[in-house]
Amino acid sequence: MKLEIVQGLLHKVASGMFSDDELADNGIFFQTMAKFKYDGYKQYAPGMRFLERFALWLQQFDDINDRKIAFNFVKNKLIYISGPEMDLLVSSSYPDVVKPILGRSVAEKLGIPEYKINKIYDNIHFKSLLRQSLFCGLSDGARTEIFRRANNNFLSHEQIYQTYELSDKRATKMKEELTSDQINILGRVPSNEESKFKFLFLLDDFSASGTSYLKYNTLTNTFKGKINALYENIYNRNNLSDVFDLNNLEVHIILYLCTEQAKENIEANLELLANNFSLSKKPSLHVSCLIPDSYRITDEDIKYLCNKDTYYDASALEDKHTGTVKMGYSDCALPIVLYHNCPNNSVSILWAYENAEFQGLFPRVPRHKEI
């Protein structure tokens, strides 16, 4: 749709809510945000742009009062993480998180003060320990291809994998490649210990509730989630004891974006997981960008809008995994949109599917499909 037509449509929908001067200012604001951020949303249909979607979305609200609340919600509360912003978080994970962790380990082992970073990072022990580090994605959101390209000068292609589920064939090849590289680094045949991975870094883009990573059932005394699956995979398979140094293995989970709620939930359950597997070293969680609880929707007018049945199609949005999601999955009440897909932990008026009676401003592609 041509820009002039879209602007006219948006002006028509928003007229009556603002003065002419306010309409003009808001028009400039949203055109700018659309140009630099919102038009990049990956789930828009071909040809669809933000301003057109925004106008159509506003038209769904019953009256001018609800429309104005929705308009101001998007203008003042929405948090949109663009592609370049996410790429920056991915790229900075190595220098900001991984490198200091390995540096501290080498400094402690060799008795070098941590501030002597050149002496640490130039040391052969650091290079060897870096090669004994494995990087795995916890989902396709880990952007391992971005992580690999950003750190091509430091990391081997053979130590970065898209998934944490390792086949026997893949594990055998990983062991062979690690041994071969350690010969080049150390200038000799490595010991058995030096031919195993000592650090495992798990990468992912976003967590809002933390339940998909690690969840503890107090009734059955069992764990669920990706992190538990990883530990079961490593510690319950005899052949992987030849690939990982299980007695000294350090696992670090790196989340590019994480809410305060998810961080607290995951960290509380990591303590229980360590006890369950009798781990000598508890897994650690590292968050590149923390989303504080204060960002959650608490405004009564917005909560009223989200909870109104007219703007919620339960038959389209709910399934056996989610339950009620008016305020988002697990009642996270987030105003967050990621450029590739809007999380269902955000309020549903933002992400409601395109097949719903009330459609979201940034329609989401569901993870689970009911057959």
Foldseek 3Di string as FASTA:
>chain_A
DDPVVLLVLQCVLLPPVDDPVVSVVLSVVVVVCQVPAQQLFAPDDPPDGQSNLLSVQLVLDDDNVLSNVVSVCCVPQFDEQGPVNLLVLLLCCCVPPVLLVLLVVQCVVVVNPSVVSVVSCVDLSSLLLLLLEAEEEPAQQLPQVSNCVSCVVRYDPLRYYDHLQDDLVSLVVSLVVSQVVVCVSVVHRDDLQSSARQEYEYGHEEDQQQQQAWDADPVVRDIHHSPLVSCCNQVVDPSNVSHHVQLRHEYEYEYAEYEPNNQVRNVVVQVVVCVVVVHPYGHYYHYNYYHYLVSADDDPSVLVSLPDVSQDFCVQPDDPVAPDQSCFGVNSRHSYQYSHFRHRRHHCLAARAPVGPNHHSSHGDDPDDDD
